[in-house]
PDB file of N, CA and C in Angstrom:
ATOM      1  N   HIS A   1       0.839  -1.243   0.066  1.00  0.00           N
ATOM      2  CA  HIS A   1      -0.046  -0.023   0.015  1.00  0.00           C
ATOM      3  C   HIS A   1       0.855   1.179  -0.004  1.00  0.00           C
ATOM      4  N   GLY A   2       0.692   2.199  -0.951  1.00  0.00           N
ATOM      5  CA  GLY A   2       1.444   3.275  -0.975  1.00  0.00           C
ATOM      6  C   GLY A   2       0.872   4.426  -1.786  1.00  0.00           C
ATOM      7  N   GLN A   3       1.400   5.527  -1.836  1.00  0.00           N
ATOM      8  CA  GLN A   3       0.845   6.663  -2.636  1.00  0.00           C
ATOM      9  C   GLN A   3       1.918   7.186  -3.512  1.00  0.00           C
ATOM     10  N   ALA A   4       1.478   7.673  -4.621  1.00  0.00           N
ATOM     11  CA  ALA A   4       2.546   8.348  -5.589  1.00  0.00           C
ATOM     12  C   ALA A   4       1.648   9.287  -6.460  1.00  0.00           C
ATOM     13  N   LYS A   5       2.511  10.095  -7.104  1.00  0.00           N
ATOM     14  CA  LYS A   5       1.698  11.037  -8.047  1.00  0.00           C
ATOM     15  C   LYS A   5       1.344  10.252  -9.355  1.00  0.00           C
ATOM     16  N   LYS A   6       0.327  10.790  -9.913  1.00  0.00           N
ATOM     17  CA  LYS A   6      -0.151  10.012 -11.193  1.00  0.00           C
ATOM     18  C   LYS A   6       0.926   9.733 -12.212  1.00  0.00           C
ATOM     19  N   SER A   7       0.703   8.473 -12.604  1.00  0.00           N
ATOM     20  CA  SER A   7       1.861   7.793 -13.545  1.00  0.00           C
ATOM     21  C   SER A   7       3.132   7.585 -13.041  1.00  0.00           C
ATOM     22  N   ARG A   8       3.336   7.663 -11.620  1.00  0.00           N
ATOM     23  CA  ARG A   8       4.573   7.568 -11.026  1.00  0.00           C
ATOM     24  C   ARG A   8       4.436   6.294 -10.174  1.00  0.00           C
ATOM     25  N   ARG A   9       5.534   5.424 -10.015  1.00  0.00           N
ATOM     26  CA  ARG A   9       5.497   4.301  -9.171  1.00  0.00           C
ATOM     27  C   ARG A   9       5.817   4.629  -7.723  1.00  0.00           C
ATOM     28  N   ALA A  10       4.928   4.144  -6.830  1.00  0.00           N
ATOM     29  CA  ALA A  10       5.183   4.364  -5.342  1.00  0.00           C
ATOM     30  C   ALA A  10       6.419   3.585  -4.956  1.00  0.00           C
ATOM     31  N   SER A  11       7.263   4.226  -4.282  1.00  0.00           N
ATOM     32  CA  SER A  11       8.571   3.654  -3.794  1.00  0.00           C
ATOM     33  C   SER A  11       8.825   3.952  -2.258  1.00  0.00           C
ATOM     34  N   MET A  12       9.637   3.045  -1.637  1.00  0.00           N
ATOM     35  CA  MET A  12       9.945   3.368  -0.099  1.00  0.00           C
ATOM     36  C   MET A  12      11.441   3.214  -0.166  1.00  0.00           C
ATOM     37  N   ARG A  13      11.961   4.047   0.697  1.00  0.00           N
ATOM     38  CA  ARG A  13      13.531   4.004   0.827  1.00  0.00           C
ATOM     39  C   ARG A  13      13.728   3.827   2.337  1.00  0.00           C
ATOM     40  N   GLY A  14      14.763   2.964   2.561  1.00  0.00           N
ATOM     41  CA  GLY A  14      15.284   2.661   3.949  1.00  0.00           C
ATOM     42  C   GLY A  14      14.753   1.335   4.391  1.00  0.00           C
ATOM     43  N   VAL A  15      14.992   1.000   5.601  1.00  0.00           N
ATOM     44  CA  VAL A  15      14.783  -0.361   6.073  1.00  0.00           C
ATOM     45  C   VAL A  15      13.397  -0.327   6.607  1.00  0.00           C
ATOM     46  N   PHE A  16      12.656  -1.264   6.372  1.00  0.00           N
ATOM     47  CA  PHE A  16      11.179  -1.427   6.572  1.00  0.00           C
ATOM     48  C   PHE A  16      10.943  -2.684   7.450  1.00  0.00           C
ATOM     49  N   VAL A  17      11.048  -2.559   8.795  1.00  0.00           N
ATOM     50  CA  VAL A  17      10.822  -3.721   9.673  1.00  0.00           C
ATOM     51  C   VAL A  17       9.768  -3.198  10.800  1.00  0.00           C
ATOM     52  N   ARG A  18       8.788  -3.764  10.838  1.00  0.00           N
ATOM     53  CA  ARG A  18       7.852  -3.414  11.969  1.00  0.00           C
ATOM     54  C   ARG A  18       7.958  -4.505  13.087  1.00  0.00           C
ATOM     55  N   GLY A  19       8.590  -4.090  14.227  1.00  0.00           N
ATOM     56  CA  GLY A  19       8.685  -5.172  15.340  1.00  0.00           C
ATOM     57  C   GLY A  19       9.859  -5.989  14.969  1.00  0.00           C
ATOM     58  N   ARG A  20       9.838  -7.138  15.659  1.00  0.00           N
ATOM     59  CA  ARG A  20      10.810  -8.051  15.581  1.00  0.00           C
ATOM     60  C   ARG A  20      10.637  -9.136  14.310  1.00  0.00           C
ATOM     61  N   ARG A  21      11.772  -9.618  13.781  1.00  0.00           N
ATOM     62  CA  ARG A  21      11.732 -10.622  12.710  1.00  0.00           C
ATOM     63  C   ARG A  21      11.804 -11.994  13.210  1.00  0.00           C
ATOM     64  N   VAL A  22      10.904 -12.894  12.692  1.00  0.00           N
ATOM     65  CA  VAL A  22      11.057 -14.190  13.215  1.00  0.00           C
ATOM     66  C   VAL A  22      11.157 -15.032  11.939  1.00  0.00           C
ATOM     67  N   THR A  23      11.688 -16.234  12.097  1.00  0.00           N
ATOM     68  CA  THR A  23      11.893 -17.206  11.069  1.00  0.00           C
ATOM     69  C   THR A  23      11.262 -18.514  11.453  1.00  0.00           C
ATOM     70  N   ALA A  24      10.426 -19.107  10.527  1.00  0.00           N
ATOM     71  CA  ALA A  24       9.891 -20.283  10.867  1.00  0.00           C
ATOM     72  C   ALA A  24      10.394 -21.307   9.781  1.00  0.00           C
ATOM     73  N   VAL A  25      10.672 -22.538  10.243  1.00  0.00           N
ATOM     74  CA  VAL A  25      11.102 -23.634   9.354  1.00  0.00           C
ATOM     75  C   VAL A  25      10.377 -24.808   9.763  1.00  0.00           C
ATOM     76  N   ALA A  26      10.020 -25.701   8.829  1.00  0.00           N
ATOM     77  CA  ALA A  26       9.176 -26.923   9.076  1.00  0.00           C
ATOM     78  C   ALA A  26       9.560 -28.062   8.141  1.00  0.00           C
ATOM     79  N   ALA A  27       9.300 -29.286   8.671  1.00  0.00           N
ATOM     80  CA  ALA A  27       9.490 -30.504   7.913  1.00  0.00           C
ATOM     81  C   ALA A  27       8.062 -30.914   7.484  1.00  0.00           C
ATOM     82  N   LEU A  28       7.788 -30.935   6.304  1.00  0.00           N
ATOM     83  CA  LEU A  28       6.438 -31.386   5.849  1.00  0.00           C
ATOM     84  C   LEU A  28       6.424 -32.653   5.084  1.00  0.00           C
ATOM     85  N   THR A  29       5.576 -33.587   5.535  1.00  0.00           N
ATOM     86  CA  THR A  29       5.518 -34.791   4.650  1.00  0.00           C
ATOM     87  C   THR A  29       4.073 -34.964   4.113  1.00  0.00           C
ATOM     88  N   VAL A  30       3.789 -36.119   3.488  1.00  0.00           N
ATOM     89  CA  VAL A  30       2.561 -36.395   3.048  1.00  0.00           C
ATOM     90  C   VAL A  30       1.395 -36.626   4.105  1.00  0.00           C
ATOM     91  N   ASP A  31       2.004 -36.909   5.274  1.00  0.00           N
ATOM     92  CA  ASP A  31       1.063 -36.979   6.479  1.00  0.00           C
ATOM     93  C   ASP A  31       0.944 -35.843   7.284  1.00  0.00           C
ATOM     94  N   GLY A  32       1.658 -34.837   7.011  1.00  0.00           N
ATOM     95  CA  GLY A  32       1.685 -33.468   7.789  1.00  0.00           C
ATOM     96  C   GLY A  32       3.025 -33.019   8.166  1.00  0.00           C
ATOM     97  N   ILE A  33       2.931 -32.073   9.158  1.00  0.00           N
ATOM     98  CA  ILE A  33       4.196 -31.615   9.658  1.00  0.00           C
ATOM     99  C   ILE A  33       4.764 -32.584  10.728  1.00  0.00           C
ATOM    100  N   ILE A  34       6.071 -32.795  10.493  1.00  0.00           N
ATOM    101  CA  ILE A  34       6.657 -33.777  11.408  1.00  0.00           C
ATOM    102  C   ILE A  34       7.588 -32.961  12.470  1.00  0.00           C
ATOM    103  N   ALA A  35       7.892 -31.748  12.003  1.00  0.00           N
ATOM    104  CA  ALA A  35       8.973 -30.971  12.915  1.00  0.00           C
ATOM    105  C   ALA A  35       8.803 -29.513  12.572  1.00  0.00           C
ATOM    106  N   GLY A  36       8.935 -28.660  13.506  1.00  0.00           N
ATOM    107  CA  GLY A  36       8.912 -27.291  13.223  1.00  0.00           C
ATOM    108  C   GLY A  36       9.712 -26.541  14.206  1.00  0.00           C
ATOM    109  N   HIS A  37      10.173 -25.422  13.722  1.00  0.00           N
ATOM    110  CA  HIS A  37      11.141 -24.494  14.679  1.00  0.00           C
ATOM    111  C   HIS A  37      10.924 -23.060  14.326  1.00  0.00           C
ATOM    112  N   ILE A  38      10.872 -22.201  15.266  1.00  0.00           N
ATOM    113  CA  ILE A  38      10.724 -20.810  15.163  1.00  0.00           C
ATOM    114  C   ILE A  38      11.940 -20.083  15.847  1.00  0.00           C
ATOM    115  N   VAL A  39      12.631 -19.190  15.268  1.00  0.00           N
ATOM    116  CA  VAL A  39      13.692 -18.553  15.880  1.00  0.00           C
ATOM    117  C   VAL A  39      13.523 -16.983  15.593  1.00  0.00           C
ATOM    118  N   GLU A  40      13.935 -16.183  16.596  1.00  0.00           N
ATOM    119  CA  GLU A  40      13.887 -14.820  16.430  1.00  0.00           C
ATOM    120  C   GLU A  40      15.022 -14.477  15.498  1.00  0.00           C
ATOM    121  N   GLY A  41      14.840 -13.585  14.641  1.00  0.00           N
ATOM    122  CA  GLY A  41      15.872 -13.129  13.708  1.00  0.00           C
ATOM    123  C   GLY A  41      15.954 -14.151  12.495  1.00  0.00           C
ATOM    124  N   SER A  42      17.117 -14.211  11.836  1.00  0.00           N
ATOM    125  CA  SER A  42      17.367 -15.115  10.672  1.00  0.00           C
ATOM    126  C   SER A  42      17.897 -16.461  11.197  1.00  0.00           C
ATOM    127  N   LEU A  43      17.388 -17.510  10.435  1.00  0.00           N
ATOM    128  CA  LEU A  43      17.948 -18.823  10.780  1.00  0.00           C
ATOM    129  C   LEU A  43      19.250 -18.974  10.080  1.00  0.00           C
ATOM    130  N   ARG A  44      20.354 -19.214  10.827  1.00  0.00           N
ATOM    131  CA  ARG A  44      21.618 -19.353  10.449  1.00  0.00           C
ATOM    132  C   ARG A  44      21.941 -21.037  10.273  1.00  0.00           C
ATOM    133  N   ARG A  45      23.060 -21.206   9.668  1.00  0.00           N
ATOM    134  CA  ARG A  45      23.485 -22.542   9.422  1.00  0.00           C
ATOM    135  C   ARG A  45      23.500 -23.362  10.731  1.00  0.00           C
ATOM    136  N   LYS A  46      24.149 -22.966  11.731  1.00  0.00           N
ATOM    137  CA  LYS A  46      24.179 -23.661  12.968  1.00  0.00           C
ATOM    138  C   LYS A  46      22.834 -23.981  13.585  1.00  0.00           C
ATOM    139  N   GLY A  47      21.807 -23.146  13.444  1.00  0.00           N
ATOM    140  CA  GLY A  47      20.365 -23.343  13.954  1.00  0.00           C
ATOM    141  C   GLY A  47      19.769 -24.391  12.889  1.00  0.00           C
ATOM    142  N   TYR A  48      20.071 -24.305  11.499  1.00  0.00           N
ATOM    143  CA  TYR A  48      19.527 -25.261  10.735  1.00  0.00           C
ATOM    144  C   TYR A  48      20.017 -26.682  10.856  1.00  0.00           C
ATOM    145  N   LEU A  49      21.287 -26.783  11.151  1.00  0.00           N
ATOM    146  CA  LEU A  49      21.816 -28.057  11.385  1.00  0.00           C
ATOM    147  C   LEU A  49      21.360 -28.716  12.643  1.00  0.00           C
ATOM    148  N   ASN A  50      21.104 -27.859  13.676  1.00  0.00           N
ATOM    149  CA  ASN A  50      20.441 -28.359  14.906  1.00  0.00           C
ATOM    150  C   ASN A  50      19.082 -28.803  14.670  1.00  0.00           C
ATOM    151  N   PHE A  51      18.268 -28.025  13.919  1.00  0.00           N
ATOM    152  CA  PHE A  51      16.892 -28.521  13.499  1.00  0.00           C
ATOM    153  C   PHE A  51      16.985 -29.822  12.807  1.00  0.00           C
ATOM    154  N   LEU A  52      17.946 -29.913  11.764  1.00  0.00           N
ATOM    155  CA  LEU A  52      17.938 -31.202  11.120  1.00  0.00           C
ATOM    156  C   LEU A  52      18.328 -32.360  12.020  1.00  0.00           C
ATOM    157  N   LYS A  53      19.398 -32.190  12.877  1.00  0.00           N
ATOM    158  CA  LYS A  53      19.831 -33.258  13.684  1.00  0.00           C
ATOM    159  C   LYS A  53      18.843 -33.721  14.708  1.00  0.00           C
ATOM    160  N   HIS A  54      18.098 -32.667  15.340  1.00  0.00           N
ATOM    161  CA  HIS A  54      17.245 -33.055  16.516  1.00  0.00           C
ATOM    162  C   HIS A  54      15.810 -33.132  16.160  1.00  0.00           C
ATOM    163  N   SER A  55      15.364 -32.585  15.114  1.00  0.00           N
ATOM    164  CA  SER A  55      14.000 -32.588  14.872  1.00  0.00           C
ATOM    165  C   SER A  55      13.501 -33.246  13.707  1.00  0.00           C
ATOM    166  N   VAL A  56      14.422 -33.340  12.491  1.00  0.00           N
ATOM    167  CA  VAL A  56      13.950 -33.939  11.317  1.00  0.00           C
ATOM    168  C   VAL A  56      14.488 -35.392  11.126  1.00  0.00           C
ATOM    169  N   LEU A  57      15.837 -35.538  11.276  1.00  0.00           N
ATOM    170  CA  LEU A  57      16.547 -36.763  10.874  1.00  0.00           C
ATOM    171  C   LEU A  57      16.151 -37.860  11.803  1.00  0.00           C
ATOM    172  N   PRO A  58      15.662 -37.745  13.045  1.00  0.00           N
ATOM    173  CA  PRO A  58      15.255 -38.898  13.901  1.00  0.00           C
ATOM    174  C   PRO A  58      13.937 -39.491  13.385  1.00  0.00           C
ATOM    175  N   HIS A  59      13.255 -38.693  12.457  1.00  0.00           N
ATOM    176  CA  HIS A  59      11.902 -39.189  11.822  1.00  0.00           C
ATOM    177  C   HIS A  59      12.211 -39.819  10.552  1.00  0.00           C
ATOM    178  N   CYS A  60      13.271 -39.866  10.017  1.00  0.00           N
ATOM    179  CA  CYS A  60      13.658 -40.379   8.752  1.00  0.00           C
ATOM    180  C   CYS A  60      14.028 -41.798   8.762  1.00  0.00           C
ATOM    181  N   GLU A  61      13.728 -42.602   7.764  1.00  0.00           N
ATOM    182  CA  GLU A  61      14.155 -43.921   7.613  1.00  0.00           C
ATOM    183  C   GLU A  61      14.948 -44.075   6.386  1.00  0.00           C
ATOM    184  N   ALA A  62      15.584 -45.351   6.248  1.00  0.00           N
ATOM    185  CA  ALA A  62      16.484 -45.586   5.032  1.00  0.00           C
ATOM    186  C   ALA A  62      15.547 -45.665   3.712  1.00  0.00           C
ATOM    187  N   TYR A  63      16.071 -45.219   2.671  1.00  0.00           N
ATOM    188  CA  TYR A  63      15.320 -45.273   1.378  1.00  0.00           C
ATOM    189  C   TYR A  63      15.045 -46.610   1.113  1.00  0.00           C
ATOM    190  N   PRO A  64      13.789 -47.116   0.697  1.00  0.00           N
ATOM    191  CA  PRO A  64      12.585 -46.298   0.311  1.00  0.00           C
ATOM    192  C   PRO A  64      11.661 -46.143   1.403  1.00  0.00           C
ATOM    193  N   GLY A  65      12.065 -46.139   2.550  1.00  0.00           N
ATOM    194  CA  GLY A  65      11.174 -46.041   3.810  1.00  0.00           C
ATOM    195  C   GLY A  65      10.397 -44.756   3.986  1.00  0.00           C
ATOM    196  N   LYS A  66       9.665 -44.651   5.028  1.00  0.00           N
ATOM    197  CA  LYS A  66       9.013 -43.408   5.296  1.00  0.00           C
ATOM    198  C   LYS A  66       9.924 -42.314   5.582  1.00  0.00           C
ATOM    199  N   ASN A  67       9.491 -41.159   4.957  1.00  0.00           N
ATOM    200  CA  ASN A  67      10.341 -39.913   5.247  1.00  0.00           C
ATOM    201  C   ASN A  67      11.866 -40.089   4.852  1.00  0.00           C
ATOM    202  N   SER A  68      12.118 -40.871   3.780  1.00  0.00           N
ATOM    203  CA  SER A  68      13.385 -41.005   3.370  1.00  0.00           C
ATOM    204  C   SER A  68      13.981 -40.171   2.388  1.00  0.00           C
ATOM    205  N   VAL A  69      13.240 -39.243   1.874  1.00  0.00           N
ATOM    206  CA  VAL A  69      13.705 -38.318   0.892  1.00  0.00           C
ATOM    207  C   VAL A  69      13.528 -36.896   1.427  1.00  0.00           C
ATOM    208  N   LEU A  70      14.706 -36.125   1.482  1.00  0.00           N
ATOM    209  CA  LEU A  70      14.689 -34.743   1.927  1.00  0.00           C
ATOM    210  C   LEU A  70      14.681 -33.968   0.719  1.00  0.00           C
ATOM    211  N   VAL A  71      13.660 -32.916   0.648  1.00  0.00           N
ATOM    212  CA  VAL A  71      13.729 -31.958  -0.452  1.00  0.00           C
ATOM    213  C   VAL A  71      13.863 -30.580   0.133  1.00  0.00           C
ATOM    214  N   MET A  72      14.987 -29.876  -0.208  1.00  0.00           N
ATOM    215  CA  MET A  72      15.216 -28.450   0.239  1.00  0.00           C
ATOM    216  C   MET A  72      15.273 -27.531  -0.850  1.00  0.00           C
ATOM    217  N   ASP A  73      14.945 -26.379  -0.599  1.00  0.00           N
ATOM    218  CA  ASP A  73      14.997 -25.296  -1.662  1.00  0.00           C
ATOM    219  C   ASP A  73      16.541 -24.839  -1.789  1.00  0.00           C
ATOM    220  N   ASN A  74      16.695 -23.762  -2.750  1.00  0.00           N
ATOM    221  CA  ASN A  74      17.923 -23.421  -2.928  1.00  0.00           C
ATOM    222  C   ASN A  74      18.626 -22.388  -2.031  1.00  0.00           C
ATOM    223  N   ALA A  75      18.065 -22.378  -0.662  1.00  0.00           N
ATOM    224  CA  ALA A  75      18.709 -21.494   0.222  1.00  0.00           C
ATOM    225  C   ALA A  75      20.093 -21.880   0.517  1.00  0.00           C
ATOM    226  N   GLN A  76      20.890 -20.791   0.788  1.00  0.00           N
ATOM    227  CA  GLN A  76      22.324 -21.097   0.954  1.00  0.00           C
ATOM    228  C   GLN A  76      22.536 -22.084   2.234  1.00  0.00           C
ATOM    229  N   ILE A  77      21.804 -21.947   3.160  1.00  0.00           N
ATOM    230  CA  ILE A  77      22.032 -22.753   4.402  1.00  0.00           C
ATOM    231  C   ILE A  77      21.753 -24.132   4.121  1.00  0.00           C
ATOM    232  N   HIS A  78      21.070 -24.591   3.048  1.00  0.00           N
ATOM    233  CA  HIS A  78      20.786 -26.032   2.806  1.00  0.00           C
ATOM    234  C   HIS A  78      22.011 -26.659   1.950  1.00  0.00           C
ATOM    235  N   HIS A  79      23.008 -25.805   1.610  1.00  0.00           N
ATOM    236  CA  HIS A  79      24.179 -26.294   0.912  1.00  0.00           C
ATOM    237  C   HIS A  79      25.406 -26.463   1.746  1.00  0.00           C
ATOM    238  N   GLY A  80      26.339 -27.361   1.366  1.00  0.00           N
ATOM    239  CA  GLY A  80      27.600 -27.398   2.016  1.00  0.00           C
ATOM    240  C   GLY A  80      27.737 -28.760   2.520  1.00  0.00           C
ATOM    241  N   ALA A  81      29.173 -29.029   2.919  1.00  0.00           N
ATOM    242  CA  ALA A  81      29.608 -30.308   3.306  1.00  0.00           C
ATOM    243  C   ALA A  81      29.027 -30.680   4.692  1.00  0.00           C
ATOM    244  N   ASP A  82      28.842 -29.763   5.576  1.00  0.00           N
ATOM    245  CA  ASP A  82      28.371 -29.913   6.886  1.00  0.00           C
ATOM    246  C   ASP A  82      26.873 -30.478   6.869  1.00  0.00           C
ATOM    247  N   VAL A  83      26.159 -30.032   5.928  1.00  0.00           N
ATOM    248  CA  VAL A  83      24.736 -30.646   5.792  1.00  0.00           C
ATOM    249  C   VAL A  83      24.911 -32.021   5.294  1.00  0.00           C
ATOM    250  N   ARG A  84      25.605 -32.179   4.162  1.00  0.00           N
ATOM    251  CA  ARG A  84      25.716 -33.519   3.593  1.00  0.00           C
ATOM    252  C   ARG A  84      26.351 -34.546   4.659  1.00  0.00           C
ATOM    253  N   GLU A  85      27.334 -34.150   5.348  1.00  0.00           N
ATOM    254  CA  GLU A  85      27.911 -35.054   6.409  1.00  0.00           C
ATOM    255  C   GLU A  85      26.970 -35.412   7.528  1.00  0.00           C
ATOM    256  N   LEU A  86      26.025 -34.497   7.955  1.00  0.00           N
ATOM    257  CA  LEU A  86      25.109 -34.740   8.953  1.00  0.00           C
ATOM    258  C   LEU A  86      24.029 -35.745   8.505  1.00  0.00           C
ATOM    259  N   VAL A  87      23.494 -35.393   7.241  1.00  0.00           N
ATOM    260  CA  VAL A  87      22.510 -36.485   6.604  1.00  0.00           C
ATOM    261  C   VAL A  87      23.201 -37.810   6.500  1.00  0.00           C
ATOM    262  N   GLU A  88      24.384 -37.894   5.963  1.00  0.00           N
ATOM    263  CA  GLU A  88      24.958 -39.206   5.831  1.00  0.00           C
ATOM    264  C   GLU A  88      25.386 -39.847   7.135  1.00  0.00           C
ATOM    265  N   GLN A  89      25.663 -39.107   8.064  1.00  0.00           N
ATOM    266  CA  GLN A  89      26.087 -39.541   9.458  1.00  0.00           C
ATOM    267  C   GLN A  89      24.908 -40.349  10.107  1.00  0.00           C
ATOM    268  N   PHE A  90      23.560 -39.796   9.782  1.00  0.00           N
ATOM    269  CA  PHE A  90      22.413 -40.598  10.270  1.00  0.00           C
ATOM    270  C   PHE A  90      22.300 -41.725   9.479  1.00  0.00           C
ATOM    271  N   GLY A  91      22.717 -41.881   8.282  1.00  0.00           N
ATOM    272  CA  GLY A  91      22.646 -42.970   7.419  1.00  0.00           C
ATOM    273  C   GLY A  91      21.335 -43.384   7.086  1.00  0.00           C
ATOM    274  N   LYS A  92      20.403 -42.508   7.079  1.00  0.00           N
ATOM    275  CA  LYS A  92      18.908 -43.013   6.887  1.00  0.00           C
ATOM    276  C   LYS A  92      18.477 -42.224   5.600  1.00  0.00           C
ATOM    277  N   SER A  93      19.048 -41.215   5.151  1.00  0.00           N
ATOM    278  CA  SER A  93      18.546 -40.557   4.037  1.00  0.00           C
ATOM    279  C   SER A  93      19.608 -40.255   3.052  1.00  0.00           C
ATOM    280  N   GLN A  94      19.242 -39.957   1.786  1.00  0.00           N
ATOM    281  CA  GLN A  94      20.184 -39.649   0.680  1.00  0.00           C
ATOM    282  C   GLN A  94      20.195 -38.195   0.461  1.00  0.00           C
ATOM    283  N   TYR A  95      21.409 -37.527   0.394  1.00  0.00           N
ATOM    284  CA  TYR A  95      21.555 -36.131   0.141  1.00  0.00           C
ATOM    285  C   TYR A  95      22.160 -36.118  -1.360  1.00  0.00           C
ATOM    286  N   ILE A  96      21.299 -35.568  -2.267  1.00  0.00           N
ATOM    287  CA  ILE A  96      21.774 -35.303  -3.614  1.00  0.00           C
ATOM    288  C   ILE A  96      21.798 -33.961  -4.022  1.00  0.00           C
TER     289      ILE A  96
END
């Protein structure tokens, strides 16, 4: 919602944050949500690895078992050797 002169695009300059920022992450399966985590601020790699280790991977089985495929978007915290090592350490899921 904004205002601008006729034939001009409304724009906003500066940082726009009302209140505190929170990040929510969840593991969703065909049966519903199996894990969820909310943090104040941005979710960093350490928090994401903690979420995987303690909330997601304990619910995973070896392929082709239940919850054996992890699908992540292209967020930077989903990439890296530490994520791959953690998934392979559990030995239950395949990281591709």
